[in-house]
Amino acid sequence: MSTKLIYFAWVRERIGKPEEDVELPAGIETVADLLRWLRSRGEEYENALQYP
């Protein structure tokens, strides 16, 4: 199942895209889980999401 993520302002600028469709891995149940998974997707995500 695809999930649409929409990024705003500072996060959008650092990730370099306004939105994306992603397939979330099993076990993503909370916002904290989602942020942890996103930060693992690359340096731009880590930099954009380092201060949740």
PDB file of N, CA and C in Angstrom:
ATOM      1  N   MET A   1       0.841  -1.181   0.000  1.00  0.00           N
ATOM      2  CA  MET A   1       0.000   0.000   0.000  1.00  0.00           C
ATOM      3  C   MET A   1       0.888   1.248   0.000  1.00  0.00           C
ATOM      4  N   SER A   2       0.624   2.126  -0.902  1.00  0.00           N
ATOM      5  CA  SER A   2       1.405   3.349  -1.036  1.00  0.00           C
ATOM      6  C   SER A   2       0.859   4.433  -0.108  1.00  0.00           C
ATOM      7  N   THR A   3       1.763   5.206   0.473  1.00  0.00           N
ATOM      8  CA  THR A   3       1.409   6.304   1.363  1.00  0.00           C
ATOM      9  C   THR A   3       1.995   7.586   0.800  1.00  0.00           C
ATOM     10  N   LYS A   4       1.186   8.636   0.738  1.00  0.00           N
ATOM     11  CA  LYS A   4       1.678   9.921   0.246  1.00  0.00           C
ATOM     12  C   LYS A   4       2.172  10.750   1.422  1.00  0.00           C
ATOM     13  N   LEU A   5       3.416  11.187   1.339  1.00  0.00           N
ATOM     14  CA  LEU A   5       3.991  12.082   2.334  1.00  0.00           C
ATOM     15  C   LEU A   5       4.119  13.456   1.694  1.00  0.00           C
ATOM     16  N   ILE A   6       3.695  14.483   2.402  1.00  0.00           N
ATOM     17  CA  ILE A   6       3.777  15.855   1.919  1.00  0.00           C
ATOM     18  C   ILE A   6       4.709  16.617   2.853  1.00  0.00           C
ATOM     19  N   TYR A   7       5.696  17.280   2.258  1.00  0.00           N
ATOM     20  CA  TYR A   7       6.694  18.012   3.037  1.00  0.00           C
ATOM     21  C   TYR A   7       6.459  19.509   2.898  1.00  0.00           C
ATOM     22  N   PHE A   8       6.675  20.239   3.982  1.00  0.00           N
ATOM     23  CA  PHE A   8       6.451  21.677   3.992  1.00  0.00           C
ATOM     24  C   PHE A   8       7.716  22.422   4.393  1.00  0.00           C
ATOM     25  N   ALA A   9       7.815  23.634   3.909  1.00  0.00           N
ATOM     26  CA  ALA A   9       8.813  24.629   4.311  1.00  0.00           C
ATOM     27  C   ALA A   9      10.234  24.085   4.403  1.00  0.00           C
ATOM     28  N   TRP A  10      10.802  24.162   5.590  1.00  0.00           N
ATOM     29  CA  TRP A  10      12.213  23.842   5.831  1.00  0.00           C
ATOM     30  C   TRP A  10      12.528  22.412   5.423  1.00  0.00           C
ATOM     31  N   VAL A  11      11.653  21.469   5.763  1.00  0.00           N
ATOM     32  CA  VAL A  11      11.876  20.064   5.426  1.00  0.00           C
ATOM     33  C   VAL A  11      11.853  19.899   3.903  1.00  0.00           C
ATOM     34  N   ARG A  12      10.878  20.493   3.240  1.00  0.00           N
ATOM     35  CA  ARG A  12      10.769  20.407   1.781  1.00  0.00           C
ATOM     36  C   ARG A  12      12.030  20.929   1.107  1.00  0.00           C
ATOM     37  N   GLU A  13      12.545  22.032   1.580  1.00  0.00           N
ATOM     38  CA  GLU A  13      13.755  22.618   0.994  1.00  0.00           C
ATOM     39  C   GLU A  13      14.954  21.687   1.142  1.00  0.00           C
ATOM     40  N   ARG A  14      15.089  21.038   2.278  1.00  0.00           N
ATOM     41  CA  ARG A  14      16.251  20.187   2.518  1.00  0.00           C
ATOM     42  C   ARG A  14      16.150  18.820   1.842  1.00  0.00           C
ATOM     43  N   ILE A  15      14.942  18.289   1.749  1.00  0.00           N
ATOM     44  CA  ILE A  15      14.764  17.008   1.073  1.00  0.00           C
ATOM     45  C   ILE A  15      14.793  17.208  -0.439  1.00  0.00           C
ATOM     46  N   GLY A  16      14.301  18.348  -0.887  1.00  0.00           N
ATOM     47  CA  GLY A  16      14.335  18.653  -2.314  1.00  0.00           C
ATOM     48  C   GLY A  16      13.111  18.210  -3.088  1.00  0.00           C
ATOM     49  N   LYS A  17      12.034  17.917  -2.376  1.00  0.00           N
ATOM     50  CA  LYS A  17      10.795  17.550  -3.061  1.00  0.00           C
ATOM     51  C   LYS A  17       9.606  17.917  -2.179  1.00  0.00           C
ATOM     52  N   PRO A  18       8.509  18.317  -2.794  1.00  0.00           N
ATOM     53  CA  PRO A  18       7.344  18.714  -2.003  1.00  0.00           C
ATOM     54  C   PRO A  18       6.527  17.543  -1.473  1.00  0.00           C
ATOM     55  N   GLU A  19       6.611  16.397  -2.160  1.00  0.00           N
ATOM     56  CA  GLU A  19       5.843  15.222  -1.740  1.00  0.00           C
ATOM     57  C   GLU A  19       6.426  13.984  -2.399  1.00  0.00           C
ATOM     58  N   GLU A  20       6.012  12.827  -1.880  1.00  0.00           N
ATOM     59  CA  GLU A  20       6.404  11.566  -2.499  1.00  0.00           C
ATOM     60  C   GLU A  20       5.465  10.464  -2.038  1.00  0.00           C
ATOM     61  N   ASP A  21       5.321   9.460  -2.876  1.00  0.00           N
ATOM     62  CA  ASP A  21       4.584   8.251  -2.529  1.00  0.00           C
ATOM     63  C   ASP A  21       5.606   7.200  -2.119  1.00  0.00           C
ATOM     64  N   VAL A  22       5.399   6.588  -0.967  1.00  0.00           N
ATOM     65  CA  VAL A  22       6.343   5.591  -0.461  1.00  0.00           C
ATOM     66  C   VAL A  22       5.593   4.347  -0.017  1.00  0.00           C
ATOM     67  N   GLU A  23       6.300   3.244  -0.039  1.00  0.00           N
ATOM     68  CA  GLU A  23       5.805   1.993   0.533  1.00  0.00           C
ATOM     69  C   GLU A  23       6.451   1.872   1.913  1.00  0.00           C
ATOM     70  N   LEU A  24       5.659   1.993   2.947  1.00  0.00           N
ATOM     71  CA  LEU A  24       6.200   1.914   4.300  1.00  0.00           C
ATOM     72  C   LEU A  24       6.495   0.457   4.655  1.00  0.00           C
ATOM     73  N   PRO A  25       7.639   0.212   5.278  1.00  0.00           N
ATOM     74  CA  PRO A  25       7.945  -1.143   5.712  1.00  0.00           C
ATOM     75  C   PRO A  25       7.057  -1.550   6.892  1.00  0.00           C
ATOM     76  N   ALA A  26       6.956  -2.836   7.112  1.00  0.00           N
ATOM     77  CA  ALA A  26       6.197  -3.339   8.259  1.00  0.00           C
ATOM     78  C   ALA A  26       6.786  -2.770   9.542  1.00  0.00           C
ATOM     79  N   GLY A  27       5.948  -2.523  10.504  1.00  0.00           N
ATOM     80  CA  GLY A  27       6.419  -2.052  11.802  1.00  0.00           C
ATOM     81  C   GLY A  27       6.327  -0.547  11.998  1.00  0.00           C
ATOM     82  N   ILE A  28       5.984   0.191  10.964  1.00  0.00           N
ATOM     83  CA  ILE A  28       5.818   1.642  11.113  1.00  0.00           C
ATOM     84  C   ILE A  28       4.416   1.875  11.663  1.00  0.00           C
ATOM     85  N   GLU A  29       4.346   2.205  12.948  1.00  0.00           N
ATOM     86  CA  GLU A  29       3.049   2.367  13.603  1.00  0.00           C
ATOM     87  C   GLU A  29       2.856   3.736  14.225  1.00  0.00           C
ATOM     88  N   THR A  30       3.944   4.452  14.473  1.00  0.00           N
ATOM     89  CA  THR A  30       3.844   5.759  15.117  1.00  0.00           C
ATOM     90  C   THR A  30       4.599   6.797  14.298  1.00  0.00           C
ATOM     91  N   VAL A  31       4.390   8.057  14.631  1.00  0.00           N
ATOM     92  CA  VAL A  31       5.131   9.133  13.976  1.00  0.00           C
ATOM     93  C   VAL A  31       6.625   8.975  14.261  1.00  0.00           C
ATOM     94  N   ALA A  32       6.974   8.574  15.454  1.00  0.00           N
ATOM     95  CA  ALA A  32       8.391   8.358  15.796  1.00  0.00           C
ATOM     96  C   ALA A  32       8.996   7.267  14.914  1.00  0.00           C
ATOM     97  N   ASP A  33       8.248   6.193  14.667  1.00  0.00           N
ATOM     98  CA  ASP A  33       8.708   5.130  13.762  1.00  0.00           C
ATOM     99  C   ASP A  33       8.936   5.690  12.362  1.00  0.00           C
ATOM    100  N   LEU A  34       7.988   6.479  11.887  1.00  0.00           N
ATOM    101  CA  LEU A  34       8.077   7.065  10.552  1.00  0.00           C
ATOM    102  C   LEU A  34       9.295   7.973  10.437  1.00  0.00           C
ATOM    103  N   LEU A  35       9.510   8.834  11.407  1.00  0.00           N
ATOM    104  CA  LEU A  35      10.659   9.739  11.371  1.00  0.00           C
ATOM    105  C   LEU A  35      11.971   8.973  11.403  1.00  0.00           C
ATOM    106  N   ARG A  36      12.055   7.945  12.214  1.00  0.00           N
ATOM    107  CA  ARG A  36      13.263   7.122  12.289  1.00  0.00           C
ATOM    108  C   ARG A  36      13.542   6.467  10.928  1.00  0.00           C
ATOM    109  N   TRP A  37      12.507   5.930  10.296  1.00  0.00           N
ATOM    110  CA  TRP A  37      12.658   5.295   8.988  1.00  0.00           C
ATOM    111  C   TRP A  37      13.057   6.329   7.923  1.00  0.00           C
ATOM    112  N   LEU A  38      12.408   7.486   7.927  1.00  0.00           N
ATOM    113  CA  LEU A  38      12.743   8.518   6.944  1.00  0.00           C
ATOM    114  C   LEU A  38      14.198   8.965   7.087  1.00  0.00           C
ATOM    115  N   ARG A  39      14.659   9.168   8.319  1.00  0.00           N
ATOM    116  CA  ARG A  39      16.046   9.598   8.531  1.00  0.00           C
ATOM    117  C   ARG A  39      17.048   8.568   7.997  1.00  0.00           C
ATOM    118  N   SER A  40      16.644   7.320   7.942  1.00  0.00           N
ATOM    119  CA  SER A  40      17.543   6.278   7.439  1.00  0.00           C
ATOM    120  C   SER A  40      17.611   6.244   5.910  1.00  0.00           C
ATOM    121  N   ARG A  41      16.806   7.056   5.229  1.00  0.00           N
ATOM    122  CA  ARG A  41      16.724   7.024   3.772  1.00  0.00           C
ATOM    123  C   ARG A  41      17.803   7.844   3.075  1.00  0.00           C
ATOM    124  N   GLY A  42      18.616   8.557   3.819  1.00  0.00           N
ATOM    125  CA  GLY A  42      19.693   9.303   3.180  1.00  0.00           C
ATOM    126  C   GLY A  42      20.035  10.580   3.916  1.00  0.00           C
ATOM    127  N   GLU A  43      21.140  11.160   3.522  1.00  0.00           N
ATOM    128  CA  GLU A  43      21.664  12.344   4.197  1.00  0.00           C
ATOM    129  C   GLU A  43      20.694  13.519   4.167  1.00  0.00           C
ATOM    130  N   GLU A  44      20.013  13.731   3.051  1.00  0.00           N
ATOM    131  CA  GLU A  44      19.079  14.856   2.978  1.00  0.00           C
ATOM    132  C   GLU A  44      17.927  14.691   3.964  1.00  0.00           C
ATOM    133  N   TYR A  45      17.455  13.455   4.155  1.00  0.00           N
ATOM    134  CA  TYR A  45      16.395  13.203   5.129  1.00  0.00           C
ATOM    135  C   TYR A  45      16.932  13.365   6.553  1.00  0.00           C
ATOM    136  N   GLU A  46      18.107  12.841   6.804  1.00  0.00           N
ATOM    137  CA  GLU A  46      18.726  12.969   8.128  1.00  0.00           C
ATOM    138  C   GLU A  46      18.876  14.435   8.515  1.00  0.00           C
ATOM    139  N   ASN A  47      19.356  15.252   7.592  1.00  0.00           N
ATOM    140  CA  ASN A  47      19.545  16.676   7.869  1.00  0.00           C
ATOM    141  C   ASN A  47      18.211  17.390   8.067  1.00  0.00           C
ATOM    142  N   ALA A  48      17.226  17.054   7.263  1.00  0.00           N
ATOM    143  CA  ALA A  48      15.930  17.729   7.341  1.00  0.00           C
ATOM    144  C   ALA A  48      15.150  17.347   8.599  1.00  0.00           C
ATOM    145  N   LEU A  49      15.365  16.137   9.095  1.00  0.00           N
ATOM    146  CA  LEU A  49      14.539  15.615  10.194  1.00  0.00           C
ATOM    147  C   LEU A  49      15.312  15.398  11.480  1.00  0.00           C
ATOM    148  N   GLN A  50      16.465  16.028  11.615  1.00  0.00           N
ATOM    149  CA  GLN A  50      17.273  15.795  12.799  1.00  0.00           C
ATOM    150  C   GLN A  50      16.679  16.377  14.069  1.00  0.00           C
ATOM    151  N   TYR A  51      15.765  17.339  13.944  1.00  0.00           N
ATOM    152  CA  TYR A  51      15.117  17.945  15.127  1.00  0.00           C
ATOM    153  C   TYR A  51      13.608  17.768  15.023  1.00  0.00           C
ATOM    154  N   PRO A  52      13.105  16.613  15.425  1.00  0.00           N
ATOM    155  CA  PRO A  52      11.655  16.378  15.293  1.00  0.00           C
ATOM    156  C   PRO A  52      10.881  17.274  16.238  1.00  0.00           C
TER     157      PRO A  52
END
